[in-house]
Amino acid sequence: MLEKFSDEQIVHLVAYQNLYGPITPKRLDMLLARLAMDLISPHLKRGRRSKLRDHLMVWSQADRPRQSGRDHLGIVQQMQRQFEHDEDRRTHRTRRRKQGA
């Protein structure tokens, strides 16, 4: 690559990448992920931020991080805890409404 481009051209390419993102086919994915981040941020709870990698499409199985069975179990347990928490809040709200009526 250094033989094809002059030092000035490489500096220009690096500056362009720093401003506008990567100069590769993944550029469109990066731009759309950035747009998704900006669109979803007003809808998140206060203090929470979306990450760019949360919105990037993973096209190849090799690009995905490997997960163990324990990782999968942890994800399912976290989903179950959130479901139970939401159910408890719904039940508590229903009881308060019935007591107030």
Protein backbone atom coordinates (compact mmCIF):
# COMPACT_ATOMS: atom_id res chain seq x y z
CA MET A 1 0.00 0.00 0.00
CA LEU A 2 2.82 2.38 0.81
CA GLU A 3 4.18 1.95 -2.72
CA LYS A 4 0.86 2.86 -4.35
CA PHE A 5 0.17 6.02 -2.32
CA SER A 6 2.29 9.01 -1.42
CA ASP A 7 2.61 10.14 2.20
CA GLU A 8 0.29 13.08 1.50
CA GLN A 9 -2.40 10.78 0.04
CA ILE A 10 -2.21 8.43 3.05
CA VAL A 11 -2.58 11.38 5.44
CA HIS A 12 -5.58 12.54 3.40
CA LEU A 13 -7.17 9.05 3.51
CA VAL A 14 -6.64 8.75 7.27
CA ALA A 15 -8.16 12.20 7.83
CA TYR A 16 -11.14 11.25 5.65
CA GLN A 17 -11.65 8.03 7.63
CA ASN A 18 -11.48 9.89 10.93
CA LEU A 19 -14.19 12.30 9.75
CA TYR A 20 -16.51 10.02 7.79
CA GLY A 21 -15.81 6.47 8.86
CA PRO A 22 -14.04 3.53 7.21
CA ILE A 23 -13.38 3.42 3.48
CA THR A 24 -14.59 -0.14 3.01
CA PRO A 25 -17.83 -1.92 2.15
CA LYS A 26 -18.56 -1.85 5.90
CA ARG A 27 -18.91 1.93 5.69
CA LEU A 28 -22.64 1.80 5.00
CA ASP A 29 -23.11 -0.55 7.95
CA MET A 30 -21.24 1.90 10.18
CA LEU A 31 -23.30 4.84 8.97
CA LEU A 32 -26.59 3.02 9.50
CA ALA A 33 -25.49 1.84 12.94
CA ARG A 34 -24.62 5.43 13.86
CA LEU A 35 -28.02 6.57 12.61
CA ALA A 36 -29.74 3.86 14.65
CA MET A 37 -27.80 4.97 17.73
CA ASP A 38 -29.00 8.55 17.25
CA LEU A 39 -32.59 7.46 16.64
CA ILE A 40 -32.85 5.20 19.68
CA SER A 41 -31.03 7.39 22.22
CA PRO A 42 -34.04 9.63 23.08
CA HIS A 43 -36.10 6.52 23.87
CA LEU A 44 -33.68 4.98 26.37
CA LYS A 45 -33.95 5.40 30.11
CA ARG A 46 -32.11 8.36 31.56
CA GLY A 47 -28.41 7.69 31.96
CA ARG A 48 -28.35 4.74 29.53
CA ARG A 49 -26.46 4.99 26.28
CA SER A 50 -26.57 2.86 23.20
CA LYS A 51 -23.31 1.47 21.84
CA LEU A 52 -22.34 1.39 18.19
CA ARG A 53 -21.63 -2.34 18.28
CA ASP A 54 -25.22 -2.95 19.45
CA HIS A 55 -26.46 -1.72 16.07
CA LEU A 56 -23.86 -3.20 13.73
CA MET A 57 -24.94 -6.10 11.56
CA VAL A 58 -22.78 -9.20 11.93
CA TRP A 59 -22.57 -10.85 8.53
CA SER A 60 -20.11 -13.61 9.25
CA GLN A 61 -20.21 -16.31 11.90
CA ALA A 62 -16.46 -15.78 12.35
CA ASP A 63 -17.06 -12.12 13.34
CA ARG A 64 -19.32 -13.10 16.22
CA PRO A 65 -17.79 -13.64 19.64
CA ARG A 66 -17.96 -17.25 20.78
CA GLN A 67 -20.36 -17.90 23.64
CA SER A 68 -20.23 -20.81 26.00
CA GLY A 69 -23.18 -22.66 27.45
CA ARG A 70 -22.74 -20.65 30.65
CA ASP A 71 -23.06 -17.43 28.65
CA HIS A 72 -26.33 -18.66 27.15
CA LEU A 73 -27.59 -19.74 30.56
CA GLY A 74 -26.74 -16.30 31.99
CA ILE A 75 -28.70 -14.59 29.22
CA VAL A 76 -31.75 -16.77 29.82
CA GLN A 77 -31.55 -16.24 33.60
CA GLN A 78 -31.32 -12.49 33.12
CA MET A 79 -34.38 -12.56 30.85
CA GLN A 80 -36.26 -14.64 33.43
CA ARG A 81 -35.36 -12.21 36.26
CA GLN A 82 -36.55 -9.26 34.18
CA PHE A 83 -39.79 -11.06 33.35
CA GLU A 84 -40.42 -11.86 37.03
CA HIS A 85 -39.59 -8.27 38.03
CA ASP A 86 -42.04 -6.90 35.45
CA GLU A 87 -44.70 -9.36 36.59
CA ASP A 88 -44.22 -8.33 40.24
CA ARG A 89 -44.58 -4.67 39.31
CA ARG A 90 -47.79 -5.41 37.36
CA THR A 91 -49.21 -7.39 40.27
CA HIS A 92 -48.31 -4.65 42.74
CA ARG A 93 -49.94 -1.98 40.54
CA THR A 94 -53.10 -4.07 40.20
CA ARG A 95 -53.35 -4.49 44.00
CA ARG A 96 -52.95 -0.74 44.56
CA ARG A 97 -55.71 0.01 42.05
CA LYS A 98 -58.07 -2.47 43.71
CA GLN A 99 -57.35 -1.06 47.17
CA GLY A 100 -57.92 2.50 45.97
CA ALA A 101 -61.28 1.64 44.36
